[in-house]
Amino acid sequence: MAVAKTLRFVPLVTTFIIIFISTAITHGHAASFTPRKVYLVFLDSQIIPSTKPAHLDLLKTVLQDITPEESLVYDYRSTSGFAAKLSETEAKHLASIKGVVSVFPSEVAHLDRP
């Protein structure tokens, strides 16, 4: 008799677990599903200083799902710029900002291939 009562709640518990997991995926982890790749961003140092805080502030204006600290890959000091993980939309938006000279995808070069 006790087993029969317990089995009545299995579909209810299963449904609750499925709803909970799907909600967590769609609301809590949306950033992990945004396709991102590393872009190189070059700046006009007379308009935007080549400092990490300036780069993070600039990223704040375009990022949608992640923090600037999660996005920033590398700060270039010898040239004014940085590398950051961006979506294609974020990269296009960043390229339109005054002081941004260019934004383009980082590519791996293989020296042993033509």
PDB file of N, CA and C in Angstrom:
ATOM      1  N   MET A   1       0.815  -1.191   0.000  1.00  0.00           N
ATOM      2  CA  MET A   1       0.000   0.000   0.000  1.00  0.00           C
ATOM      3  C   MET A   1       0.862   1.261   0.000  1.00  0.00           C
ATOM      4  N   ALA A   2       1.944   1.275   0.784  1.00  0.00           N
ATOM      5  CA  ALA A   2       2.831   2.435   0.860  1.00  0.00           C
ATOM      6  C   ALA A   2       3.539   2.650  -0.472  1.00  0.00           C
ATOM      7  N   VAL A   3       3.876   1.548  -1.144  1.00  0.00           N
ATOM      8  CA  VAL A   3       4.534   1.651  -2.441  1.00  0.00           C
ATOM      9  C   VAL A   3       3.594   2.275  -3.464  1.00  0.00           C
ATOM     10  N   ALA A   4       2.354   1.914  -3.453  1.00  0.00           N
ATOM     11  CA  ALA A   4       1.374   2.463  -4.384  1.00  0.00           C
ATOM     12  C   ALA A   4       1.221   3.973  -4.185  1.00  0.00           C
ATOM     13  N   LYS A   5       1.212   4.451  -2.938  1.00  0.00           N
ATOM     14  CA  LYS A   5       1.109   5.886  -2.669  1.00  0.00           C
ATOM     15  C   LYS A   5       2.351   6.624  -3.168  1.00  0.00           C
ATOM     16  N   THR A   6       3.518   6.024  -2.979  1.00  0.00           N
ATOM     17  CA  THR A   6       4.769   6.635  -3.421  1.00  0.00           C
ATOM     18  C   THR A   6       4.826   6.727  -4.933  1.00  0.00           C
ATOM     19  N   LEU A   7       4.383   5.696  -5.624  1.00  0.00           N
ATOM     20  CA  LEU A   7       4.429   5.673  -7.087  1.00  0.00           C
ATOM     21  C   LEU A   7       3.513   6.722  -7.717  1.00  0.00           C
ATOM     22  N   ARG A   8       2.476   7.151  -7.011  1.00  0.00           N
ATOM     23  CA  ARG A   8       1.586   8.188  -7.549  1.00  0.00           C
ATOM     24  C   ARG A   8       2.318   9.521  -7.696  1.00  0.00           C
ATOM     25  N   PHE A   9       3.340   9.767  -6.894  1.00  0.00           N
ATOM     26  CA  PHE A   9       4.048  11.043  -6.919  1.00  0.00           C
ATOM     27  C   PHE A   9       5.220  11.072  -7.895  1.00  0.00           C
ATOM     28  N   VAL A  10       5.607   9.942  -8.454  1.00  0.00           N
ATOM     29  CA  VAL A  10       6.745   9.881  -9.375  1.00  0.00           C
ATOM     30  C   VAL A  10       6.534  10.775 -10.597  1.00  0.00           C
ATOM     31  N   PRO A  11       5.372  10.738 -11.290  1.00  0.00           N
ATOM     32  CA  PRO A  11       5.197  11.632 -12.434  1.00  0.00           C
ATOM     33  C   PRO A  11       5.254  13.111 -12.036  1.00  0.00           C
ATOM     34  N   LEU A  12       4.713  13.439 -10.882  1.00  0.00           N
ATOM     35  CA  LEU A  12       4.719  14.817 -10.417  1.00  0.00           C
ATOM     36  C   LEU A  12       6.148  15.298 -10.138  1.00  0.00           C
ATOM     37  N   VAL A  13       6.927  14.474  -9.457  1.00  0.00           N
ATOM     38  CA  VAL A  13       8.313  14.826  -9.146  1.00  0.00           C
ATOM     39  C   VAL A  13       9.138  14.917 -10.427  1.00  0.00           C
ATOM     40  N   THR A  14       8.948  13.987 -11.341  1.00  0.00           N
ATOM     41  CA  THR A  14       9.670  14.000 -12.614  1.00  0.00           C
ATOM     42  C   THR A  14       9.358  15.272 -13.390  1.00  0.00           C
ATOM     43  N   THR A  15       8.104  15.651 -13.457  1.00  0.00           N
ATOM     44  CA  THR A  15       7.698  16.877 -14.151  1.00  0.00           C
ATOM     45  C   THR A  15       8.352  18.090 -13.508  1.00  0.00           C
ATOM     46  N   PHE A  16       8.360  18.149 -12.178  1.00  0.00           N
ATOM     47  CA  PHE A  16       8.980  19.264 -11.473  1.00  0.00           C
ATOM     48  C   PHE A  16      10.468  19.361 -11.802  1.00  0.00           C
ATOM     49  N   ILE A  17      11.157  18.237 -11.820  1.00  0.00           N
ATOM     50  CA  ILE A  17      12.594  18.229 -12.112  1.00  0.00           C
ATOM     51  C   ILE A  17      12.851  18.714 -13.540  1.00  0.00           C
ATOM     52  N   ILE A  18      12.064  18.268 -14.483  1.00  0.00           N
ATOM     53  CA  ILE A  18      12.231  18.698 -15.878  1.00  0.00           C
ATOM     54  C   ILE A  18      12.012  20.199 -16.012  1.00  0.00           C
ATOM     55  N   ILE A  19      10.971  20.727 -15.387  1.00  0.00           N
ATOM     56  CA  ILE A  19      10.701  22.161 -15.445  1.00  0.00           C
ATOM     57  C   ILE A  19      11.836  22.943 -14.790  1.00  0.00           C
ATOM     58  N   PHE A  20      12.322  22.483 -13.655  1.00  0.00           N
ATOM     59  CA  PHE A  20      13.405  23.165 -12.950  1.00  0.00           C
ATOM     60  C   PHE A  20      14.667  23.215 -13.797  1.00  0.00           C
ATOM     61  N   ILE A  21      15.051  22.106 -14.395  1.00  0.00           N
ATOM     62  CA  ILE A  21      16.267  22.052 -15.198  1.00  0.00           C
ATOM     63  C   ILE A  21      16.137  22.923 -16.442  1.00  0.00           C
ATOM     64  N   SER A  22      15.003  22.862 -17.122  1.00  0.00           N
ATOM     65  CA  SER A  22      14.846  23.679 -18.332  1.00  0.00           C
ATOM     66  C   SER A  22      14.842  25.163 -18.005  1.00  0.00           C
ATOM     67  N   THR A  23      14.269  25.553 -16.873  1.00  0.00           N
ATOM     68  CA  THR A  23      14.290  26.954 -16.463  1.00  0.00           C
ATOM     69  C   THR A  23      15.713  27.394 -16.138  1.00  0.00           C
ATOM     70  N   ALA A  24      16.464  26.570 -15.460  1.00  0.00           N
ATOM     71  CA  ALA A  24      17.845  26.904 -15.120  1.00  0.00           C
ATOM     72  C   ALA A  24      18.696  27.067 -16.373  1.00  0.00           C
ATOM     73  N   ILE A  25      18.468  26.219 -17.344  1.00  0.00           N
ATOM     74  CA  ILE A  25      19.246  26.289 -18.581  1.00  0.00           C
ATOM     75  C   ILE A  25      18.911  27.559 -19.354  1.00  0.00           C
ATOM     76  N   THR A  26      17.635  27.872 -19.518  1.00  0.00           N
ATOM     77  CA  THR A  26      17.263  29.014 -20.341  1.00  0.00           C
ATOM     78  C   THR A  26      17.504  30.350 -19.666  1.00  0.00           C
ATOM     79  N   HIS A  27      17.405  30.417 -18.342  1.00  0.00           N
ATOM     80  CA  HIS A  27      17.564  31.694 -17.664  1.00  0.00           C
ATOM     81  C   HIS A  27      18.922  31.864 -17.005  1.00  0.00           C
ATOM     82  N   GLY A  28      19.459  30.819 -16.462  1.00  0.00           N
ATOM     83  CA  GLY A  28      20.686  30.944 -15.701  1.00  0.00           C
ATOM     84  C   GLY A  28      21.962  30.794 -16.496  1.00  0.00           C
ATOM     85  N   HIS A  29      21.887  30.157 -17.642  1.00  0.00           N
ATOM     86  CA  HIS A  29      23.104  29.880 -18.382  1.00  0.00           C
ATOM     87  C   HIS A  29      23.002  30.316 -19.837  1.00  0.00           C
ATOM     88  N   ALA A  30      22.302  31.390 -20.111  1.00  0.00           N
ATOM     89  CA  ALA A  30      22.142  31.860 -21.484  1.00  0.00           C
ATOM     90  C   ALA A  30      23.476  32.268 -22.092  1.00  0.00           C
ATOM     91  N   ALA A  31      24.393  32.764 -21.267  1.00  0.00           N
ATOM     92  CA  ALA A  31      25.681  33.232 -21.775  1.00  0.00           C
ATOM     93  C   ALA A  31      26.480  32.106 -22.408  1.00  0.00           C
ATOM     94  N   SER A  32      26.363  30.907 -21.878  1.00  0.00           N
ATOM     95  CA  SER A  32      27.154  29.808 -22.404  1.00  0.00           C
ATOM     96  C   SER A  32      26.678  29.363 -23.787  1.00  0.00           C
ATOM     97  N   PHE A  33      25.508  29.774 -24.219  1.00  0.00           N
ATOM     98  CA  PHE A  33      24.996  29.394 -25.520  1.00  0.00           C
ATOM     99  C   PHE A  33      25.211  30.480 -26.571  1.00  0.00           C
ATOM    100  N   THR A  34      25.710  31.655 -26.181  1.00  0.00           N
ATOM    101  CA  THR A  34      25.991  32.710 -27.138  1.00  0.00           C
ATOM    102  C   THR A  34      27.310  32.387 -27.823  1.00  0.00           C
ATOM    103  N   PRO A  35      27.287  32.201 -29.148  1.00  0.00           N
ATOM    104  CA  PRO A  35      28.544  31.864 -29.822  1.00  0.00           C
ATOM    105  C   PRO A  35      29.511  33.049 -29.755  1.00  0.00           C
ATOM    106  N   ARG A  36      30.685  32.800 -29.242  1.00  0.00           N
ATOM    107  CA  ARG A  36      31.702  33.836 -29.110  1.00  0.00           C
ATOM    108  C   ARG A  36      33.022  33.323 -29.672  1.00  0.00           C
ATOM    109  N   LYS A  37      33.801  34.254 -30.195  1.00  0.00           N
ATOM    110  CA  LYS A  37      35.167  33.942 -30.580  1.00  0.00           C
ATOM    111  C   LYS A  37      36.023  35.146 -30.216  1.00  0.00           C
ATOM    112  N   VAL A  38      37.309  34.969 -30.276  1.00  0.00           N
ATOM    113  CA  VAL A  38      38.222  36.038 -29.883  1.00  0.00           C
ATOM    114  C   VAL A  38      38.370  37.024 -31.040  1.00  0.00           C
ATOM    115  N   TYR A  39      38.212  38.298 -30.712  1.00  0.00           N
ATOM    116  CA  TYR A  39      38.398  39.393 -31.663  1.00  0.00           C
ATOM    117  C   TYR A  39      39.553  40.262 -31.180  1.00  0.00           C
ATOM    118  N   LEU A  40      40.305  40.791 -32.132  1.00  0.00           N
ATOM    119  CA  LEU A  40      41.345  41.760 -31.828  1.00  0.00           C
ATOM    120  C   LEU A  40      40.755  43.141 -32.040  1.00  0.00           C
ATOM    121  N   VAL A  41      40.941  44.012 -31.050  1.00  0.00           N
ATOM    122  CA  VAL A  41      40.365  45.351 -31.076  1.00  0.00           C
ATOM    123  C   VAL A  41      41.512  46.352 -30.984  1.00  0.00           C
ATOM    124  N   PHE A  42      41.636  47.214 -31.995  1.00  0.00           N
ATOM    125  CA  PHE A  42      42.675  48.239 -31.986  1.00  0.00           C
ATOM    126  C   PHE A  42      42.018  49.599 -31.818  1.00  0.00           C
ATOM    127  N   LEU A  43      42.660  50.432 -30.987  1.00  0.00           N
ATOM    128  CA  LEU A  43      42.062  51.688 -30.568  1.00  0.00           C
ATOM    129  C   LEU A  43      42.923  52.881 -30.960  1.00  0.00           C
ATOM    130  N   ASP A  44      42.285  54.029 -31.073  1.00  0.00           N
ATOM    131  CA  ASP A  44      42.989  55.296 -31.227  1.00  0.00           C
ATOM    132  C   ASP A  44      43.335  55.753 -29.818  1.00  0.00           C
ATOM    133  N   SER A  45      44.608  55.690 -29.455  1.00  0.00           N
ATOM    134  CA  SER A  45      45.021  55.965 -28.070  1.00  0.00           C
ATOM    135  C   SER A  45      44.809  57.423 -27.670  1.00  0.00           C
ATOM    136  N   GLN A  46      44.588  58.289 -28.626  1.00  0.00           N
ATOM    137  CA  GLN A  46      44.299  59.685 -28.291  1.00  0.00           C
ATOM    138  C   GLN A  46      42.854  59.859 -27.845  1.00  0.00           C
ATOM    139  N   ILE A  47      41.998  58.903 -28.189  1.00  0.00           N
ATOM    140  CA  ILE A  47      40.590  58.961 -27.795  1.00  0.00           C
ATOM    141  C   ILE A  47      40.314  58.001 -26.637  1.00  0.00           C
ATOM    142  N   ILE A  48      40.831  56.783 -26.737  1.00  0.00           N
ATOM    143  CA  ILE A  48      40.638  55.769 -25.692  1.00  0.00           C
ATOM    144  C   ILE A  48      42.013  55.344 -25.190  1.00  0.00           C
ATOM    145  N   PRO A  49      42.310  55.573 -23.912  1.00  0.00           N
ATOM    146  CA  PRO A  49      43.640  55.214 -23.399  1.00  0.00           C
ATOM    147  C   PRO A  49      43.878  53.705 -23.409  1.00  0.00           C
ATOM    148  N   SER A  50      45.141  53.338 -23.539  1.00  0.00           N
ATOM    149  CA  SER A  50      45.498  51.922 -23.578  1.00  0.00           C
ATOM    150  C   SER A  50      45.763  51.410 -22.167  1.00  0.00           C
ATOM    151  N   THR A  51      44.696  51.341 -21.385  1.00  0.00           N
ATOM    152  CA  THR A  51      44.787  50.827 -20.022  1.00  0.00           C
ATOM    153  C   THR A  51      43.716  49.766 -19.833  1.00  0.00           C
ATOM    154  N   LYS A  52      43.972  48.843 -18.936  1.00  0.00           N
ATOM    155  CA  LYS A  52      43.002  47.784 -18.679  1.00  0.00           C
ATOM    156  C   LYS A  52      41.654  48.348 -18.218  1.00  0.00           C
ATOM    157  N   PRO A  53      41.613  49.326 -17.293  1.00  0.00           N
ATOM    158  CA  PRO A  53      40.313  49.880 -16.889  1.00  0.00           C
ATOM    159  C   PRO A  53      39.539  50.499 -18.062  1.00  0.00           C
ATOM    160  N   ALA A  54      40.250  51.155 -18.985  1.00  0.00           N
ATOM    161  CA  ALA A  54      39.579  51.736 -20.156  1.00  0.00           C
ATOM    162  C   ALA A  54      39.027  50.644 -21.060  1.00  0.00           C
ATOM    163  N   HIS A  55      39.773  49.557 -21.209  1.00  0.00           N
ATOM    164  CA  HIS A  55      39.316  48.440 -22.041  1.00  0.00           C
ATOM    165  C   HIS A  55      38.080  47.786 -21.421  1.00  0.00           C
ATOM    166  N   LEU A  56      38.094  47.597 -20.103  1.00  0.00           N
ATOM    167  CA  LEU A  56      36.936  47.005 -19.424  1.00  0.00           C
ATOM    168  C   LEU A  56      35.718  47.908 -19.523  1.00  0.00           C
ATOM    169  N   ASP A  57      35.918  49.225 -19.389  1.00  0.00           N
ATOM    170  CA  ASP A  57      34.800  50.171 -19.529  1.00  0.00           C
ATOM    171  C   ASP A  57      34.206  50.116 -20.933  1.00  0.00           C
ATOM    172  N   LEU A  58      35.063  50.018 -21.933  1.00  0.00           N
ATOM    173  CA  LEU A  58      34.591  49.927 -23.314  1.00  0.00           C
ATOM    174  C   LEU A  58      33.796  48.646 -23.535  1.00  0.00           C
ATOM    175  N   LEU A  59      34.283  47.538 -23.002  1.00  0.00           N
ATOM    176  CA  LEU A  59      33.571  46.266 -23.137  1.00  0.00           C
ATOM    177  C   LEU A  59      32.211  46.304 -22.447  1.00  0.00           C
ATOM    178  N   LYS A  60      32.111  47.007 -21.312  1.00  0.00           N
ATOM    179  CA  LYS A  60      30.826  47.125 -20.598  1.00  0.00           C
ATOM    180  C   LYS A  60      29.731  47.688 -21.492  1.00  0.00           C
ATOM    181  N   THR A  61      30.112  48.542 -22.428  1.00  0.00           N
ATOM    182  CA  THR A  61      29.108  49.187 -23.274  1.00  0.00           C
ATOM    183  C   THR A  61      28.516  48.265 -24.332  1.00  0.00           C
ATOM    184  N   VAL A  62      29.194  47.141 -24.628  1.00  0.00           N
ATOM    185  CA  VAL A  62      28.704  46.273 -25.704  1.00  0.00           C
ATOM    186  C   VAL A  62      28.319  44.865 -25.271  1.00  0.00           C
ATOM    187  N   LEU A  63      28.852  44.395 -24.155  1.00  0.00           N
ATOM    188  CA  LEU A  63      28.596  43.006 -23.757  1.00  0.00           C
ATOM    189  C   LEU A  63      27.167  42.814 -23.285  1.00  0.00           C
ATOM    190  N   GLN A  64      26.610  41.649 -23.623  1.00  0.00           N
ATOM    191  CA  GLN A  64      25.226  41.356 -23.281  1.00  0.00           C
ATOM    192  C   GLN A  64      25.088  40.284 -22.213  1.00  0.00           C
ATOM    193  N   ASP A  65      25.879  39.234 -22.280  1.00  0.00           N
ATOM    194  CA  ASP A  65      25.649  38.073 -21.420  1.00  0.00           C
ATOM    195  C   ASP A  65      26.786  37.741 -20.464  1.00  0.00           C
ATOM    196  N   ILE A  66      27.945  38.379 -20.634  1.00  0.00           N
ATOM    197  CA  ILE A  66      29.077  38.073 -19.773  1.00  0.00           C
ATOM    198  C   ILE A  66      29.691  39.372 -19.268  1.00  0.00           C
ATOM    199  N   THR A  67      30.521  39.247 -18.256  1.00  0.00           N
ATOM    200  CA  THR A  67      31.169  40.432 -17.698  1.00  0.00           C
ATOM    201  C   THR A  67      32.392  40.793 -18.537  1.00  0.00           C
ATOM    202  N   PRO A  68      32.833  42.048 -18.457  1.00  0.00           N
ATOM    203  CA  PRO A  68      34.051  42.430 -19.178  1.00  0.00           C
ATOM    204  C   PRO A  68      35.261  41.594 -18.760  1.00  0.00           C
ATOM    205  N   GLU A  69      35.342  41.255 -17.489  1.00  0.00           N
ATOM    206  CA  GLU A  69      36.462  40.445 -17.011  1.00  0.00           C
ATOM    207  C   GLU A  69      36.456  39.047 -17.628  1.00  0.00           C
ATOM    208  N   GLU A  70      35.273  38.498 -17.881  1.00  0.00           N
ATOM    209  CA  GLU A  70      35.171  37.181 -18.536  1.00  0.00           C
ATOM    210  C   GLU A  70      35.515  37.281 -20.014  1.00  0.00           C
ATOM    211  N   SER A  71      35.254  38.427 -20.601  1.00  0.00           N
ATOM    212  CA  SER A  71      35.469  38.609 -22.029  1.00  0.00           C
ATOM    213  C   SER A  71      36.919  38.928 -22.378  1.00  0.00           C
ATOM    214  N   LEU A  72      37.559  39.760 -21.576  1.00  0.00           N
ATOM    215  CA  LEU A  72      38.907  40.226 -21.890  1.00  0.00           C
ATOM    216  C   LEU A  72      39.899  39.070 -21.875  1.00  0.00           C
ATOM    217  N   VAL A  73      40.611  38.908 -22.980  1.00  0.00           N
ATOM    218  CA  VAL A  73      41.588  37.834 -23.104  1.00  0.00           C
ATOM    219  C   VAL A  73      43.002  38.365 -22.868  1.00  0.00           C
ATOM    220  N   TYR A  74      43.307  39.544 -23.454  1.00  0.00           N
ATOM    221  CA  TYR A  74      44.663  40.077 -23.353  1.00  0.00           C
ATOM    222  C   TYR A  74      44.647  41.576 -23.603  1.00  0.00           C
ATOM    223  N   ASP A  75      45.463  42.306 -22.846  1.00  0.00           N
ATOM    224  CA  ASP A  75      45.677  43.740 -23.068  1.00  0.00           C
ATOM    225  C   ASP A  75      46.993  43.929 -23.813  1.00  0.00           C
ATOM    226  N   TYR A  76      46.953  44.666 -24.914  1.00  0.00           N
ATOM    227  CA  TYR A  76      48.176  44.990 -25.629  1.00  0.00           C
ATOM    228  C   TYR A  76      48.647  46.357 -25.158  1.00  0.00           C
ATOM    229  N   ARG A  77      49.887  46.435 -24.704  1.00  0.00           N
ATOM    230  CA  ARG A  77      50.421  47.702 -24.206  1.00  0.00           C
ATOM    231  C   ARG A  77      51.244  48.417 -25.282  1.00  0.00           C
ATOM    232  N   SER A  78      51.966  47.656 -26.105  1.00  0.00           N
ATOM    233  CA  SER A  78      52.806  48.291 -27.122  1.00  0.00           C
ATOM    234  C   SER A  78      51.961  48.914 -28.229  1.00  0.00           C
ATOM    235  N   THR A  79      50.841  48.305 -28.523  1.00  0.00           N
ATOM    236  CA  THR A  79      49.876  48.903 -29.436  1.00  0.00           C
ATOM    237  C   THR A  79      48.615  49.120 -28.616  1.00  0.00           C
ATOM    238  N   SER A  80      47.855  50.087 -28.972  1.00  0.00           N
ATOM    239  CA  SER A  80      46.653  50.394 -28.200  1.00  0.00           C
ATOM    240  C   SER A  80      45.538  49.449 -28.604  1.00  0.00           C
ATOM    241  N   GLY A  81      45.274  48.463 -27.765  1.00  0.00           N
ATOM    242  CA  GLY A  81      44.209  47.525 -28.088  1.00  0.00           C
ATOM    243  C   GLY A  81      44.147  46.373 -27.115  1.00  0.00           C
ATOM    244  N   PHE A  82      43.261  45.435 -27.443  1.00  0.00           N
ATOM    245  CA  PHE A  82      43.064  44.268 -26.594  1.00  0.00           C
ATOM    246  C   PHE A  82      42.421  43.156 -27.401  1.00  0.00           C
ATOM    247  N   ALA A  83      42.418  41.963 -26.831  1.00  0.00           N
ATOM    248  CA  ALA A  83      41.718  40.815 -27.414  1.00  0.00           C
ATOM    249  C   ALA A  83      40.598  40.459 -26.454  1.00  0.00           C
ATOM    250  N   ALA A  84      39.419  40.158 -27.002  1.00  0.00           N
ATOM    251  CA  ALA A  84      38.269  39.844 -26.159  1.00  0.00           C
ATOM    252  C   ALA A  84      37.365  38.839 -26.849  1.00  0.00           C
ATOM    253  N   LYS A  85      36.669  38.037 -26.026  1.00  0.00           N
ATOM    254  CA  LYS A  85      35.681  37.089 -26.538  1.00  0.00           C
ATOM    255  C   LYS A  85      34.379  37.855 -26.748  1.00  0.00           C
ATOM    256  N   LEU A  86      33.927  37.914 -28.000  1.00  0.00           N
ATOM    257  CA  LEU A  86      32.728  38.672 -28.353  1.00  0.00           C
ATOM    258  C   LEU A  86      31.846  37.867 -29.294  1.00  0.00           C
ATOM    259  N   SER A  87      30.555  38.174 -29.257  1.00  0.00           N
ATOM    260  CA  SER A  87      29.665  37.634 -30.274  1.00  0.00           C
ATOM    261  C   SER A  87      29.825  38.512 -31.520  1.00  0.00           C
ATOM    262  N   GLU A  88      29.318  38.067 -32.626  1.00  0.00           N
ATOM    263  CA  GLU A  88      29.416  38.847 -33.857  1.00  0.00           C
ATOM    264  C   GLU A  88      28.695  40.189 -33.708  1.00  0.00           C
ATOM    265  N   THR A  89      27.548  40.182 -33.054  1.00  0.00           N
ATOM    266  CA  THR A  89      26.786  41.417 -32.826  1.00  0.00           C
ATOM    267  C   THR A  89      27.565  42.391 -31.951  1.00  0.00           C
ATOM    268  N   GLU A  90      28.167  41.877 -30.887  1.00  0.00           N
ATOM    269  CA  GLU A  90      28.949  42.730 -29.995  1.00  0.00           C
ATOM    270  C   GLU A  90      30.153  43.318 -30.717  1.00  0.00           C
ATOM    271  N   ALA A  91      30.789  42.520 -31.562  1.00  0.00           N
ATOM    272  CA  ALA A  91      31.946  42.993 -32.323  1.00  0.00           C
ATOM    273  C   ALA A  91      31.546  44.120 -33.275  1.00  0.00           C
ATOM    274  N   LYS A  92      30.415  43.971 -33.941  1.00  0.00           N
ATOM    275  CA  LYS A  92      29.939  45.022 -34.853  1.00  0.00           C
ATOM    276  C   LYS A  92      29.611  46.298 -34.086  1.00  0.00           C
ATOM    277  N   HIS A  93      28.977  46.157 -32.937  1.00  0.00           N
ATOM    278  CA  HIS A  93      28.653  47.319 -32.113  1.00  0.00           C
ATOM    279  C   HIS A  93      29.920  48.013 -31.635  1.00  0.00           C
ATOM    280  N   LEU A  94      30.895  47.237 -31.194  1.00  0.00           N
ATOM    281  CA  LEU A  94      32.163  47.794 -30.732  1.00  0.00           C
ATOM    282  C   LEU A  94      32.872  48.546 -31.850  1.00  0.00           C
ATOM    283  N   ALA A  95      32.839  48.013 -33.065  1.00  0.00           N
ATOM    284  CA  ALA A  95      33.501  48.644 -34.208  1.00  0.00           C
ATOM    285  C   ALA A  95      32.905  50.003 -34.548  1.00  0.00           C
ATOM    286  N   SER A  96      31.664  50.235 -34.149  1.00  0.00           N
ATOM    287  CA  SER A  96      31.002  51.507 -34.482  1.00  0.00           C
ATOM    288  C   SER A  96      31.274  52.611 -33.460  1.00  0.00           C
ATOM    289  N   ILE A  97      31.995  52.312 -32.400  1.00  0.00           N
ATOM    290  CA  ILE A  97      32.257  53.290 -31.348  1.00  0.00           C
ATOM    291  C   ILE A  97      33.439  54.175 -31.732  1.00  0.00           C
ATOM    292  N   LYS A  98      33.285  55.482 -31.471  1.00  0.00           N
ATOM    293  CA  LYS A  98      34.348  56.444 -31.775  1.00  0.00           C
ATOM    294  C   LYS A  98      35.584  56.091 -30.954  1.00  0.00           C
ATOM    295  N   GLY A  99      36.726  56.044 -31.623  1.00  0.00           N
ATOM    296  CA  GLY A  99      37.982  55.692 -30.974  1.00  0.00           C
ATOM    297  C   GLY A  99      38.406  54.261 -31.234  1.00  0.00           C
ATOM    298  N   VAL A 100      37.483  53.447 -31.747  1.00  0.00           N
ATOM    299  CA  VAL A 100      37.819  52.064 -32.113  1.00  0.00           C
ATOM    300  C   VAL A 100      38.250  52.084 -33.574  1.00  0.00           C
ATOM    301  N   VAL A 101      39.498  51.721 -33.821  1.00  0.00           N
ATOM    302  CA  VAL A 101      40.052  51.758 -35.177  1.00  0.00           C
ATOM    303  C   VAL A 101      39.613  50.544 -35.981  1.00  0.00           C
ATOM    304  N   SER A 102      39.731  49.348 -35.376  1.00  0.00           N
ATOM    305  CA  SER A 102      39.321  48.135 -36.091  1.00  0.00           C
ATOM    306  C   SER A 102      39.008  47.022 -35.108  1.00  0.00           C
ATOM    307  N   VAL A 103      38.127  46.132 -35.560  1.00  0.00           N
ATOM    308  CA  VAL A 103      37.755  44.940 -34.801  1.00  0.00           C
ATOM    309  C   VAL A 103      37.704  43.796 -35.804  1.00  0.00           C
ATOM    310  N   PHE A 104      38.523  42.784 -35.581  1.00  0.00           N
ATOM    311  CA  PHE A 104      38.483  41.649 -36.501  1.00  0.00           C
ATOM    312  C   PHE A 104      38.776  40.361 -35.756  1.00  0.00           C
ATOM    313  N   PRO A 105      38.262  39.242 -36.291  1.00  0.00           N
ATOM    314  CA  PRO A 105      38.450  37.948 -35.616  1.00  0.00           C
ATOM    315  C   PRO A 105      39.923  37.561 -35.560  1.00  0.00           C
ATOM    316  N   SER A 106      40.321  37.002 -34.454  1.00  0.00           N
ATOM    317  CA  SER A 106      41.670  36.472 -34.315  1.00  0.00           C
ATOM    318  C   SER A 106      41.737  35.151 -35.067  1.00  0.00           C
ATOM    319  N   GLU A 107      42.818  34.958 -35.789  1.00  0.00           N
ATOM    320  CA  GLU A 107      42.988  33.718 -36.540  1.00  0.00           C
ATOM    321  C   GLU A 107      44.310  33.072 -36.157  1.00  0.00           C
ATOM    322  N   VAL A 108      44.325  31.771 -36.140  1.00  0.00           N
ATOM    323  CA  VAL A 108      45.544  31.032 -35.844  1.00  0.00           C
ATOM    324  C   VAL A 108      46.308  30.844 -37.153  1.00  0.00           C
ATOM    325  N   ALA A 109      47.562  31.254 -37.151  1.00  0.00           N
ATOM    326  CA  ALA A 109      48.409  31.095 -38.338  1.00  0.00           C
ATOM    327  C   ALA A 109      49.308  29.877 -38.129  1.00  0.00           C
ATOM    328  N   HIS A 110      49.340  29.015 -39.148  1.00  0.00           N
ATOM    329  CA  HIS A 110      50.190  27.831 -39.100  1.00  0.00           C
ATOM    330  C   HIS A 110      51.393  28.082 -39.992  1.00  0.00           C
ATOM    331  N   LEU A 111      52.563  28.135 -39.396  1.00  0.00           N
ATOM    332  CA  LEU A 111      53.768  28.450 -40.153  1.00  0.00           C
ATOM    333  C   LEU A 111      54.190  27.355 -41.108  1.00  0.00           C
ATOM    334  N   ASP A 112      53.749  26.138 -40.866  1.00  0.00           N
ATOM    335  CA  ASP A 112      54.129  25.029 -41.729  1.00  0.00           C
ATOM    336  C   ASP A 112      53.161  24.800 -42.874  1.00  0.00           C
ATOM    337  N   ARG A 113      52.186  25.676 -43.029  1.00  0.00           N
ATOM    338  CA  ARG A 113      51.212  25.552 -44.132  1.00  0.00           C
ATOM    339  C   ARG A 113      51.202  26.837 -44.954  1.00  0.00           C
ATOM    340  N   PRO A 114      50.931  26.703 -46.247  1.00  0.00           N
ATOM    341  CA  PRO A 114      50.890  27.905 -47.097  1.00  0.00           C
ATOM    342  C   PRO A 114      49.670  28.769 -46.815  1.00  0.00           C
TER     343      PRO A 114
END
